[in-house]
N, C-alpha and C. Protein backbone atom coordinates (compact mmCIF):
# COMPACT_ATOMS: atom_id res chain seq x y z
N MET A 1 99.94 328.81 -114.01
CA MET A 1 98.79 328.72 -114.90
C MET A 1 98.07 330.05 -114.96
N ARG A 2 98.02 330.64 -116.14
CA ARG A 2 97.26 331.87 -116.36
C ARG A 2 96.12 331.53 -117.32
N LEU A 3 94.93 331.41 -116.75
CA LEU A 3 93.78 330.86 -117.48
C LEU A 3 92.59 331.80 -117.40
N ILE A 4 91.87 331.93 -118.53
CA ILE A 4 90.59 332.64 -118.56
C ILE A 4 89.49 331.60 -118.71
N LEU A 5 88.48 331.70 -117.85
CA LEU A 5 87.29 330.87 -117.99
C LEU A 5 86.16 331.76 -118.51
N LEU A 6 85.61 331.38 -119.65
CA LEU A 6 84.49 332.12 -120.23
C LEU A 6 83.24 331.26 -120.18
N GLY A 7 82.10 331.91 -120.08
CA GLY A 7 80.83 331.20 -120.08
C GLY A 7 79.74 332.20 -119.74
N ALA A 8 78.56 331.96 -120.27
CA ALA A 8 77.44 332.85 -120.01
C ALA A 8 77.09 332.83 -118.52
N PRO A 9 76.33 333.83 -118.05
CA PRO A 9 75.85 333.78 -116.66
C PRO A 9 75.16 332.45 -116.37
N ALA A 10 75.53 331.83 -115.25
CA ALA A 10 74.98 330.54 -114.80
C ALA A 10 75.54 329.34 -115.55
N SER A 11 76.64 329.53 -116.27
CA SER A 11 77.25 328.40 -116.98
C SER A 11 78.06 327.51 -116.05
N GLY A 12 78.33 327.99 -114.83
CA GLY A 12 79.11 327.20 -113.88
C GLY A 12 80.57 327.58 -113.84
N LYS A 13 80.94 328.67 -114.51
CA LYS A 13 82.36 329.02 -114.56
C LYS A 13 82.91 329.42 -113.20
N GLY A 14 82.07 330.01 -112.33
CA GLY A 14 82.54 330.36 -110.99
C GLY A 14 82.88 329.13 -110.17
N THR A 15 82.02 328.11 -110.27
CA THR A 15 82.26 326.84 -109.57
C THR A 15 83.55 326.20 -110.07
N GLN A 16 83.72 326.17 -111.38
CA GLN A 16 84.91 325.55 -111.96
C GLN A 16 86.17 326.36 -111.66
N ALA A 17 86.05 327.67 -111.64
CA ALA A 17 87.21 328.51 -111.32
C ALA A 17 87.71 328.22 -109.91
N ALA A 18 86.77 328.01 -108.98
CA ALA A 18 87.16 327.72 -107.59
C ALA A 18 87.89 326.38 -107.50
N VAL A 19 87.41 325.38 -108.23
CA VAL A 19 88.05 324.06 -108.22
C VAL A 19 89.44 324.14 -108.84
N LEU A 20 89.55 324.79 -109.98
CA LEU A 20 90.83 324.89 -110.68
C LEU A 20 91.84 325.73 -109.89
N SER A 21 91.33 326.73 -109.20
CA SER A 21 92.19 327.54 -108.34
C SER A 21 92.89 326.66 -107.31
N GLY A 22 92.14 325.75 -106.70
CA GLY A 22 92.72 324.83 -105.73
C GLY A 22 93.70 323.86 -106.37
N GLN A 23 93.35 323.38 -107.55
CA GLN A 23 94.21 322.39 -108.23
C GLN A 23 95.55 322.98 -108.63
N PHE A 24 95.52 324.21 -109.12
CA PHE A 24 96.75 324.83 -109.64
C PHE A 24 97.46 325.72 -108.62
N GLY A 25 96.79 325.98 -107.48
CA GLY A 25 97.41 326.80 -106.46
C GLY A 25 97.55 328.27 -106.85
N VAL A 26 96.59 328.76 -107.62
CA VAL A 26 96.58 330.17 -108.02
C VAL A 26 95.21 330.75 -107.70
N PRO A 27 95.11 332.07 -107.50
CA PRO A 27 93.83 332.65 -107.08
C PRO A 27 92.77 332.69 -108.19
N GLN A 28 91.53 332.55 -107.77
CA GLN A 28 90.38 332.79 -108.65
C GLN A 28 90.08 334.28 -108.59
N ILE A 29 90.03 334.92 -109.75
CA ILE A 29 89.76 336.35 -109.80
C ILE A 29 88.45 336.57 -110.53
N SER A 30 87.43 336.97 -109.79
CA SER A 30 86.10 337.20 -110.36
C SER A 30 85.79 338.69 -110.34
N THR A 31 85.59 339.26 -111.53
CA THR A 31 85.25 340.69 -111.58
C THR A 31 83.89 340.92 -110.95
N GLY A 32 82.99 339.94 -111.07
CA GLY A 32 81.67 340.07 -110.45
C GLY A 32 81.79 340.22 -108.94
N ASP A 33 82.63 339.39 -108.32
CA ASP A 33 82.84 339.48 -106.88
C ASP A 33 83.46 340.82 -106.49
N MET A 34 84.42 341.27 -107.29
CA MET A 34 85.07 342.54 -106.99
C MET A 34 84.07 343.69 -107.08
N LEU A 35 83.21 343.64 -108.08
CA LEU A 35 82.21 344.70 -108.24
C LEU A 35 81.17 344.65 -107.13
N ARG A 36 80.77 343.43 -106.72
CA ARG A 36 79.80 343.32 -105.64
C ARG A 36 80.39 343.82 -104.32
N ALA A 37 81.70 343.58 -104.12
CA ALA A 37 82.35 344.09 -102.91
C ALA A 37 82.35 345.61 -102.90
N ALA A 38 82.61 346.21 -104.06
CA ALA A 38 82.58 347.68 -104.16
C ALA A 38 81.16 348.20 -103.91
N THR A 39 80.17 347.45 -104.39
CA THR A 39 78.77 347.82 -104.18
C THR A 39 78.42 347.78 -102.70
N LYS A 40 78.83 346.69 -102.03
CA LYS A 40 78.54 346.53 -100.61
C LYS A 40 79.20 347.61 -99.78
N ALA A 41 80.39 348.04 -100.20
CA ALA A 41 81.14 349.07 -99.47
C ALA A 41 80.46 350.43 -99.60
N GLY A 42 79.59 350.58 -100.60
CA GLY A 42 78.84 351.83 -100.75
C GLY A 42 79.66 352.99 -101.27
N THR A 43 80.78 352.71 -101.92
CA THR A 43 81.60 353.77 -102.50
C THR A 43 80.88 354.36 -103.71
N PRO A 44 81.32 355.53 -104.20
CA PRO A 44 80.70 356.08 -105.42
C PRO A 44 80.74 355.08 -106.57
N LEU A 45 81.89 354.39 -106.71
CA LEU A 45 82.00 353.36 -107.75
C LEU A 45 81.01 352.24 -107.48
N GLY A 46 80.89 351.84 -106.22
CA GLY A 46 79.98 350.78 -105.86
C GLY A 46 78.53 351.11 -106.17
N LYS A 47 78.13 352.33 -105.86
CA LYS A 47 76.75 352.75 -106.14
C LYS A 47 76.48 352.77 -107.64
N GLN A 48 77.47 353.25 -108.39
CA GLN A 48 77.33 353.28 -109.85
C GLN A 48 77.23 351.86 -110.40
N ALA A 49 78.09 350.98 -109.89
CA ALA A 49 78.09 349.59 -110.34
C ALA A 49 76.77 348.91 -110.00
N ALA A 50 76.25 349.17 -108.78
CA ALA A 50 75.00 348.54 -108.35
C ALA A 50 73.84 348.92 -109.26
N ALA A 51 73.75 350.21 -109.57
CA ALA A 51 72.66 350.68 -110.43
C ALA A 51 72.73 350.02 -111.80
N LEU A 52 73.93 349.92 -112.35
CA LEU A 52 74.09 349.32 -113.67
C LEU A 52 73.80 347.82 -113.66
N MET A 53 74.34 347.11 -112.64
CA MET A 53 74.15 345.66 -112.59
C MET A 53 72.69 345.29 -112.35
N ASN A 54 71.99 346.08 -111.54
CA ASN A 54 70.58 345.79 -111.26
C ASN A 54 69.71 345.96 -112.49
N GLU A 55 70.19 346.77 -113.45
CA GLU A 55 69.47 346.95 -114.71
C GLU A 55 69.96 345.98 -115.78
N GLY A 56 70.92 345.13 -115.39
CA GLY A 56 71.47 344.19 -116.36
C GLY A 56 72.47 344.82 -117.30
N LYS A 57 72.94 346.02 -116.96
CA LYS A 57 73.91 346.72 -117.81
C LYS A 57 75.33 346.46 -117.30
N LEU A 58 76.30 346.88 -118.11
CA LEU A 58 77.70 346.60 -117.81
C LEU A 58 78.42 347.81 -117.21
N VAL A 59 79.37 347.52 -116.34
CA VAL A 59 80.23 348.55 -115.77
C VAL A 59 81.28 348.90 -116.81
N PRO A 60 81.65 350.18 -116.96
CA PRO A 60 82.62 350.59 -117.99
C PRO A 60 83.94 349.82 -117.93
N ASP A 61 84.52 349.58 -119.11
CA ASP A 61 85.76 348.82 -119.22
C ASP A 61 86.87 349.37 -118.33
N ALA A 62 87.03 350.68 -118.34
CA ALA A 62 88.15 351.28 -117.61
C ALA A 62 88.11 350.92 -116.13
N VAL A 63 86.91 350.87 -115.56
CA VAL A 63 86.76 350.54 -114.13
C VAL A 63 87.13 349.08 -113.89
N VAL A 64 86.62 348.19 -114.73
CA VAL A 64 86.87 346.76 -114.55
C VAL A 64 88.35 346.45 -114.76
N ILE A 65 88.93 347.01 -115.81
CA ILE A 65 90.34 346.75 -116.11
C ILE A 65 91.23 347.25 -114.97
N GLY A 66 90.88 348.39 -114.40
CA GLY A 66 91.63 348.91 -113.26
C GLY A 66 91.59 347.96 -112.07
N LEU A 67 90.41 347.40 -111.80
CA LEU A 67 90.28 346.42 -110.71
C LEU A 67 91.12 345.17 -110.98
N VAL A 68 91.08 344.69 -112.22
CA VAL A 68 91.83 343.49 -112.57
C VAL A 68 93.34 343.75 -112.46
N GLU A 69 93.77 344.90 -112.95
CA GLU A 69 95.21 345.24 -112.89
C GLU A 69 95.71 345.24 -111.45
N GLU A 70 94.93 345.85 -110.56
CA GLU A 70 95.32 345.87 -109.15
C GLU A 70 95.39 344.46 -108.58
N ARG A 71 94.41 343.64 -108.97
CA ARG A 71 94.32 342.29 -108.38
C ARG A 71 95.47 341.38 -108.83
N ILE A 72 95.80 341.40 -110.14
CA ILE A 72 96.83 340.48 -110.62
C ILE A 72 98.23 340.94 -110.23
N SER A 73 98.34 342.15 -109.68
CA SER A 73 99.65 342.63 -109.22
C SER A 73 99.94 342.19 -107.78
N LEU A 74 98.95 341.60 -107.11
CA LEU A 74 99.16 341.15 -105.73
C LEU A 74 100.04 339.90 -105.68
N PRO A 75 100.75 339.69 -104.56
CA PRO A 75 101.71 338.58 -104.46
C PRO A 75 101.13 337.20 -104.75
N ASP A 76 99.86 336.96 -104.35
CA ASP A 76 99.32 335.60 -104.53
C ASP A 76 99.06 335.25 -105.99
N ALA A 77 99.09 336.26 -106.88
CA ALA A 77 98.87 336.01 -108.31
C ALA A 77 100.19 335.94 -109.09
N GLU A 78 101.30 335.91 -108.36
CA GLU A 78 102.61 335.92 -109.02
C GLU A 78 102.81 334.70 -109.91
N LYS A 79 102.28 333.55 -109.49
CA LYS A 79 102.47 332.31 -110.26
C LYS A 79 101.32 332.04 -111.22
N GLY A 80 100.33 332.94 -111.25
CA GLY A 80 99.22 332.76 -112.16
C GLY A 80 97.88 333.09 -111.53
N PHE A 81 96.81 332.80 -112.27
CA PHE A 81 95.46 333.14 -111.81
C PHE A 81 94.45 332.44 -112.70
N ILE A 82 93.23 332.35 -112.18
CA ILE A 82 92.08 331.90 -112.97
C ILE A 82 91.15 333.10 -113.08
N LEU A 83 91.03 333.68 -114.26
CA LEU A 83 90.13 334.81 -114.45
C LEU A 83 88.73 334.29 -114.75
N ASP A 84 87.78 334.69 -113.93
CA ASP A 84 86.41 334.19 -113.99
C ASP A 84 85.50 335.30 -114.52
N GLY A 85 85.16 335.21 -115.81
CA GLY A 85 84.22 336.18 -116.38
C GLY A 85 84.82 337.44 -116.93
N PHE A 86 86.12 337.47 -117.12
CA PHE A 86 86.81 338.61 -117.73
C PHE A 86 87.97 338.07 -118.56
N PRO A 87 88.20 338.62 -119.75
CA PRO A 87 87.49 339.73 -120.41
C PRO A 87 86.20 339.26 -121.08
N ARG A 88 85.39 340.24 -121.47
CA ARG A 88 84.14 339.92 -122.18
C ARG A 88 84.09 340.54 -123.57
N THR A 89 85.03 341.41 -123.87
CA THR A 89 85.06 342.06 -125.18
C THR A 89 86.50 342.04 -125.70
N VAL A 90 86.65 342.24 -127.01
CA VAL A 90 87.99 342.27 -127.60
C VAL A 90 88.82 343.43 -127.04
N PRO A 91 88.26 344.64 -126.86
CA PRO A 91 89.06 345.71 -126.23
C PRO A 91 89.56 345.31 -124.83
N GLN A 92 88.70 344.64 -124.04
CA GLN A 92 89.14 344.17 -122.73
C GLN A 92 90.25 343.13 -122.88
N ALA A 93 90.10 342.24 -123.86
CA ALA A 93 91.12 341.21 -124.09
C ALA A 93 92.45 341.86 -124.48
N ASP A 94 92.38 342.88 -125.31
CA ASP A 94 93.60 343.57 -125.72
C ASP A 94 94.25 344.28 -124.53
N ALA A 95 93.42 344.90 -123.68
CA ALA A 95 93.95 345.58 -122.49
C ALA A 95 94.63 344.58 -121.57
N LEU A 96 94.00 343.40 -121.40
CA LEU A 96 94.58 342.37 -120.55
C LEU A 96 95.90 341.87 -121.13
N SER A 97 95.93 341.64 -122.45
CA SER A 97 97.17 341.19 -123.10
C SER A 97 98.29 342.18 -122.88
N GLY A 98 97.95 343.48 -122.93
CA GLY A 98 98.95 344.51 -122.69
C GLY A 98 99.50 344.45 -121.28
N LEU A 99 98.60 344.26 -120.31
CA LEU A 99 99.02 344.16 -118.91
C LEU A 99 99.96 342.97 -118.70
N LEU A 100 99.57 341.82 -119.28
CA LEU A 100 100.36 340.60 -119.09
C LEU A 100 101.69 340.67 -119.84
N ALA A 101 101.68 341.28 -121.01
CA ALA A 101 102.92 341.42 -121.78
C ALA A 101 103.91 342.29 -121.01
N ALA A 102 103.39 343.33 -120.37
CA ALA A 102 104.26 344.22 -119.59
C ALA A 102 104.92 343.47 -118.45
N GLY A 103 104.22 342.44 -117.94
CA GLY A 103 104.78 341.64 -116.85
C GLY A 103 105.51 340.41 -117.33
N GLY A 104 105.58 340.21 -118.64
CA GLY A 104 106.29 339.05 -119.20
C GLY A 104 105.64 337.72 -118.90
N ALA A 105 104.31 337.72 -118.70
CA ALA A 105 103.62 336.48 -118.34
C ALA A 105 102.34 336.36 -119.15
N PRO A 106 102.42 335.84 -120.39
CA PRO A 106 101.23 335.74 -121.24
C PRO A 106 100.25 334.68 -120.78
N LEU A 107 99.06 334.71 -121.38
CA LEU A 107 98.03 333.71 -121.09
C LEU A 107 98.45 332.32 -121.53
N ASP A 108 97.99 331.30 -120.80
CA ASP A 108 98.21 329.92 -121.20
C ASP A 108 97.05 329.42 -122.06
N LYS A 109 95.81 329.59 -121.55
CA LYS A 109 94.65 329.07 -122.28
C LYS A 109 93.41 329.90 -121.96
N VAL A 110 92.41 329.79 -122.85
CA VAL A 110 91.08 330.38 -122.64
C VAL A 110 90.08 329.25 -122.84
N VAL A 111 89.24 328.99 -121.82
CA VAL A 111 88.27 327.90 -121.90
C VAL A 111 86.85 328.48 -121.87
N GLN A 112 86.07 328.14 -122.88
CA GLN A 112 84.67 328.53 -122.95
C GLN A 112 83.81 327.34 -122.53
N ILE A 113 82.94 327.55 -121.52
CA ILE A 113 82.02 326.51 -121.06
C ILE A 113 80.68 326.70 -121.77
N ASP A 114 80.30 325.74 -122.60
CA ASP A 114 79.08 325.84 -123.41
C ASP A 114 77.88 325.21 -122.72
N VAL A 115 76.80 325.99 -122.57
CA VAL A 115 75.54 325.52 -121.98
C VAL A 115 74.39 326.14 -122.78
N SER A 116 73.31 325.38 -123.02
CA SER A 116 72.18 325.90 -123.80
C SER A 116 71.50 327.04 -123.06
N ARG A 117 70.86 327.92 -123.81
CA ARG A 117 70.19 329.08 -123.22
C ARG A 117 69.05 328.65 -122.28
N GLU A 118 68.31 327.63 -122.67
CA GLU A 118 67.18 327.16 -121.84
C GLU A 118 67.68 326.73 -120.45
N LEU A 119 68.77 326.00 -120.42
CA LEU A 119 69.31 325.53 -119.15
C LEU A 119 69.91 326.69 -118.35
N LEU A 120 70.52 327.65 -119.04
CA LEU A 120 71.07 328.83 -118.35
C LEU A 120 69.96 329.60 -117.64
N MET A 121 68.82 329.75 -118.29
CA MET A 121 67.69 330.46 -117.68
C MET A 121 67.22 329.73 -116.42
N GLU A 122 67.11 328.41 -116.50
CA GLU A 122 66.66 327.62 -115.36
C GLU A 122 67.65 327.74 -114.19
N ARG A 123 68.92 327.65 -114.51
CA ARG A 123 69.94 327.74 -113.47
C ARG A 123 69.93 329.10 -112.78
N ALA A 124 69.82 330.17 -113.57
CA ALA A 124 69.96 331.52 -113.00
C ALA A 124 68.71 331.97 -112.25
N THR A 125 67.54 331.79 -112.83
CA THR A 125 66.34 332.37 -112.22
C THR A 125 65.90 331.65 -110.96
N LEU A 126 66.36 330.41 -110.76
CA LEU A 126 65.99 329.67 -109.55
C LEU A 126 67.07 329.74 -108.46
N ARG A 127 68.08 330.59 -108.66
CA ARG A 127 69.10 330.77 -107.62
C ARG A 127 68.57 331.68 -106.51
N ARG A 128 68.96 331.37 -105.30
CA ARG A 128 68.62 332.21 -104.15
C ARG A 128 69.84 332.30 -103.23
N THR A 129 70.02 333.46 -102.59
CA THR A 129 71.15 333.68 -101.69
C THR A 129 70.65 333.79 -100.26
N ASP A 130 71.30 333.09 -99.33
CA ASP A 130 71.00 333.22 -97.91
C ASP A 130 71.68 334.50 -97.43
N ILE A 131 70.90 335.50 -97.03
CA ILE A 131 71.47 336.80 -96.71
C ILE A 131 72.30 336.76 -95.42
N ARG A 132 72.14 335.72 -94.63
CA ARG A 132 72.94 335.62 -93.39
C ARG A 132 74.34 335.08 -93.67
N THR A 133 74.45 334.13 -94.58
CA THR A 133 75.73 333.45 -94.81
C THR A 133 76.36 333.78 -96.16
N GLY A 134 75.55 334.30 -97.09
CA GLY A 134 76.07 334.56 -98.43
C GLY A 134 76.07 333.31 -99.31
N HIS A 135 75.66 332.17 -98.74
CA HIS A 135 75.66 330.92 -99.50
C HIS A 135 74.57 330.96 -100.58
N ILE A 136 74.92 330.47 -101.77
CA ILE A 136 73.98 330.47 -102.88
C ILE A 136 73.37 329.07 -103.03
N TYR A 137 72.03 329.03 -103.05
CA TYR A 137 71.30 327.77 -103.24
C TYR A 137 70.56 327.81 -104.57
N HIS A 138 70.03 326.64 -104.97
CA HIS A 138 69.20 326.56 -106.17
C HIS A 138 67.93 325.80 -105.79
N LEU A 139 66.78 326.37 -106.10
CA LEU A 139 65.51 325.79 -105.66
C LEU A 139 65.29 324.38 -106.21
N LYS A 140 65.89 324.07 -107.35
CA LYS A 140 65.72 322.74 -107.96
C LYS A 140 66.89 321.81 -107.67
N TYR A 141 68.12 322.29 -107.85
CA TYR A 141 69.29 321.42 -107.79
C TYR A 141 69.97 321.38 -106.41
N SER A 142 69.84 322.45 -105.65
CA SER A 142 70.50 322.51 -104.34
C SER A 142 69.62 323.30 -103.38
N PRO A 143 68.49 322.70 -102.94
CA PRO A 143 67.50 323.42 -102.13
C PRO A 143 68.08 323.93 -100.81
N PRO A 144 67.63 325.10 -100.37
CA PRO A 144 68.12 325.68 -99.12
C PRO A 144 67.50 324.98 -97.90
N PRO A 145 68.15 325.09 -96.74
CA PRO A 145 67.54 324.57 -95.51
C PRO A 145 66.32 325.41 -95.14
N LEU A 146 65.47 324.87 -94.31
CA LEU A 146 64.21 325.54 -93.96
C LEU A 146 64.43 326.86 -93.25
N ASP A 147 65.56 326.99 -92.53
CA ASP A 147 65.77 328.22 -91.77
C ASP A 147 66.53 329.29 -92.56
N ALA A 148 66.79 329.05 -93.84
CA ALA A 148 67.52 330.03 -94.65
C ALA A 148 66.69 331.30 -94.84
N VAL A 149 67.37 332.43 -94.84
CA VAL A 149 66.72 333.72 -95.11
C VAL A 149 67.12 334.09 -96.54
N LEU A 150 66.19 333.85 -97.47
CA LEU A 150 66.54 333.89 -98.89
C LEU A 150 66.30 335.25 -99.55
N GLU A 151 67.20 335.55 -100.46
CA GLU A 151 67.08 336.75 -101.29
C GLU A 151 67.17 336.32 -102.75
N HIS A 152 66.29 336.87 -103.58
CA HIS A 152 66.36 336.64 -105.03
C HIS A 152 67.05 337.85 -105.63
N ARG A 153 68.34 337.68 -105.95
CA ARG A 153 69.14 338.81 -106.42
C ARG A 153 68.52 339.48 -107.64
N ALA A 154 68.64 340.80 -107.70
CA ALA A 154 68.06 341.55 -108.82
C ALA A 154 68.59 341.06 -110.16
N ASP A 155 69.88 340.67 -110.21
CA ASP A 155 70.43 340.24 -111.49
C ASP A 155 70.10 338.78 -111.82
N ASP A 156 69.29 338.12 -110.96
CA ASP A 156 68.79 336.77 -111.27
C ASP A 156 67.29 336.78 -111.60
N GLN A 157 66.69 337.96 -111.71
CA GLN A 157 65.29 338.05 -112.14
C GLN A 157 65.21 337.70 -113.63
N PRO A 158 64.12 337.03 -114.08
CA PRO A 158 64.04 336.55 -115.47
C PRO A 158 64.35 337.61 -116.54
N GLU A 159 63.77 338.81 -116.40
CA GLU A 159 63.98 339.84 -117.43
C GLU A 159 65.45 340.25 -117.48
N THR A 160 66.07 340.35 -116.30
CA THR A 160 67.47 340.75 -116.24
C THR A 160 68.38 339.66 -116.78
N VAL A 161 68.05 338.40 -116.47
CA VAL A 161 68.85 337.28 -116.98
C VAL A 161 68.80 337.25 -118.50
N GLU A 162 67.62 337.45 -119.07
CA GLU A 162 67.49 337.50 -120.54
C GLU A 162 68.41 338.57 -121.12
N LYS A 163 68.40 339.75 -120.49
CA LYS A 163 69.26 340.85 -120.96
C LYS A 163 70.73 340.45 -120.87
N ARG A 164 71.11 339.85 -119.73
CA ARG A 164 72.51 339.49 -119.53
C ARG A 164 72.96 338.44 -120.55
N LEU A 165 72.09 337.49 -120.86
CA LEU A 165 72.44 336.47 -121.85
C LEU A 165 72.56 337.08 -123.24
N ASP A 166 71.65 337.99 -123.58
CA ASP A 166 71.73 338.68 -124.87
C ASP A 166 73.04 339.45 -124.98
N GLN A 167 73.40 340.15 -123.90
CA GLN A 167 74.64 340.92 -123.91
C GLN A 167 75.86 340.01 -124.02
N TYR A 168 75.83 338.91 -123.30
CA TYR A 168 76.96 337.98 -123.35
C TYR A 168 77.15 337.45 -124.77
N ASP A 169 76.04 337.04 -125.41
CA ASP A 169 76.12 336.52 -126.77
C ASP A 169 76.66 337.58 -127.74
N ALA A 170 76.18 338.81 -127.58
CA ALA A 170 76.62 339.89 -128.48
C ALA A 170 78.11 340.18 -128.31
N MET A 171 78.57 340.20 -127.06
CA MET A 171 79.97 340.52 -126.79
C MET A 171 80.90 339.40 -127.23
N THR A 172 80.61 338.17 -126.84
CA THR A 172 81.54 337.08 -127.12
C THR A 172 81.50 336.63 -128.57
N ALA A 173 80.55 337.16 -129.34
CA ALA A 173 80.53 336.85 -130.77
C ALA A 173 81.87 337.20 -131.41
N ALA A 174 82.50 338.27 -130.94
CA ALA A 174 83.81 338.67 -131.46
C ALA A 174 84.95 338.11 -130.62
N LEU A 175 84.72 337.93 -129.31
CA LEU A 175 85.80 337.51 -128.40
C LEU A 175 86.27 336.08 -128.66
N LEU A 176 85.33 335.17 -128.86
CA LEU A 176 85.72 333.77 -129.06
C LEU A 176 86.56 333.58 -130.33
N PRO A 177 86.16 334.15 -131.48
CA PRO A 177 87.03 334.04 -132.66
C PRO A 177 88.41 334.69 -132.44
N HIS A 178 88.44 335.76 -131.65
CA HIS A 178 89.70 336.45 -131.33
C HIS A 178 90.68 335.49 -130.67
N TYR A 179 90.22 334.78 -129.65
CA TYR A 179 91.10 333.85 -128.95
C TYR A 179 91.36 332.59 -129.77
N GLU A 180 90.40 332.23 -130.63
CA GLU A 180 90.62 331.07 -131.49
C GLU A 180 91.75 331.34 -132.47
N GLU A 181 91.77 332.56 -133.02
CA GLU A 181 92.84 332.93 -133.95
C GLU A 181 94.20 332.91 -133.27
N LEU A 182 94.22 333.22 -131.99
CA LEU A 182 95.48 333.22 -131.24
C LEU A 182 95.90 331.81 -130.81
N GLY A 183 95.02 330.82 -131.08
CA GLY A 183 95.32 329.44 -130.72
C GLY A 183 95.16 329.12 -129.25
N LEU A 184 94.45 330.00 -128.53
CA LEU A 184 94.31 329.82 -127.08
C LEU A 184 92.98 329.21 -126.67
N LEU A 185 91.96 329.26 -127.54
CA LEU A 185 90.60 328.88 -127.15
C LEU A 185 90.39 327.37 -127.13
N ARG A 186 89.75 326.92 -126.03
CA ARG A 186 89.28 325.55 -125.93
C ARG A 186 87.82 325.61 -125.49
N ARG A 187 86.95 324.77 -126.07
CA ARG A 187 85.53 324.77 -125.70
C ARG A 187 85.18 323.44 -125.05
N VAL A 188 84.39 323.50 -123.96
CA VAL A 188 83.97 322.26 -123.29
C VAL A 188 82.46 322.29 -123.06
N ASP A 189 81.88 321.11 -123.05
CA ASP A 189 80.45 320.95 -122.77
C ASP A 189 80.23 321.20 -121.27
N GLY A 190 79.33 322.17 -120.95
CA GLY A 190 79.10 322.53 -119.55
C GLY A 190 77.92 321.83 -118.91
N VAL A 191 77.41 320.75 -119.54
CA VAL A 191 76.28 320.01 -118.98
C VAL A 191 76.79 318.72 -118.35
N GLY A 192 76.45 318.52 -117.07
CA GLY A 192 76.91 317.34 -116.35
C GLY A 192 77.24 317.72 -114.92
N SER A 193 77.82 316.79 -114.19
CA SER A 193 78.19 317.08 -112.81
C SER A 193 79.42 317.99 -112.80
N PRO A 194 79.60 318.78 -111.74
CA PRO A 194 80.79 319.63 -111.65
C PRO A 194 82.08 318.85 -111.87
N ARG A 195 82.14 317.62 -111.32
CA ARG A 195 83.37 316.82 -111.46
C ARG A 195 83.61 316.44 -112.92
N GLU A 196 82.55 316.09 -113.63
CA GLU A 196 82.69 315.74 -115.06
C GLU A 196 83.20 316.94 -115.86
N ILE A 197 82.66 318.11 -115.55
CA ILE A 197 83.05 319.31 -116.30
C ILE A 197 84.50 319.68 -115.98
N THR A 198 84.91 319.53 -114.72
CA THR A 198 86.31 319.78 -114.36
C THR A 198 87.22 318.86 -115.17
N GLY A 199 86.84 317.60 -115.29
CA GLY A 199 87.63 316.64 -116.06
C GLY A 199 87.77 317.07 -117.52
N ARG A 200 86.68 317.58 -118.09
CA ARG A 200 86.73 318.04 -119.49
C ARG A 200 87.67 319.23 -119.63
N ILE A 201 87.61 320.14 -118.65
CA ILE A 201 88.47 321.33 -118.72
C ILE A 201 89.94 320.92 -118.62
N LEU A 202 90.26 320.04 -117.67
CA LEU A 202 91.66 319.59 -117.51
C LEU A 202 92.16 318.90 -118.77
N ALA A 203 91.28 318.10 -119.40
CA ALA A 203 91.66 317.42 -120.65
C ALA A 203 91.91 318.46 -121.75
N ALA A 204 91.06 319.49 -121.79
CA ALA A 204 91.22 320.53 -122.81
C ALA A 204 92.52 321.32 -122.62
N LEU A 205 92.93 321.49 -121.37
CA LEU A 205 94.15 322.25 -121.09
C LEU A 205 95.40 321.49 -121.52
N ASP A 206 95.27 320.19 -121.70
CA ASP A 206 96.42 319.37 -122.12
C ASP A 206 96.61 319.38 -123.63
N HIS A 207 95.70 320.02 -124.34
CA HIS A 207 95.79 320.02 -125.80
C HIS A 207 96.00 321.42 -126.35
């Protein structure tokens, strides 16, 4: 299974990618996680990525595509992968298609998880990370324990979330029709329990 999961920040695509990864036995590949790892390592790329992400800006395509190319060439991705949050633009989609064509393993499906902007704002701005464990909580839906040491990530601040949502809408305005024309796009309602949404995605993959 070679699948792309698309959805705005806080749409739940990371949660669904993890579930689908287990179901299909293929790795979840998140460019956000890869970029955060580079940031934590403090490399020149990491510092550049951190500055851009904290301002709600995007890391250049060439850097992200290079990370993805390295990742999908690893042995655990031989039978497929779940791409979480990449590509975000038509040039990125074209670059990915080129990589996969070279390996003789094209995409199976692209799933867009649809959630209203109002709900996306609520989900994102109330997220908090326990800096000791890395576990992500939500002040409304999944409250942290009393002893948690919480951090409000810079990219979950209201102004930054607004920017990220605007950017996502602007970018995917062209990306979604691109995949629709290729016959790969499936859209699912992202409101409901994680299990309900997983069921919708699996049903969409059968069509």
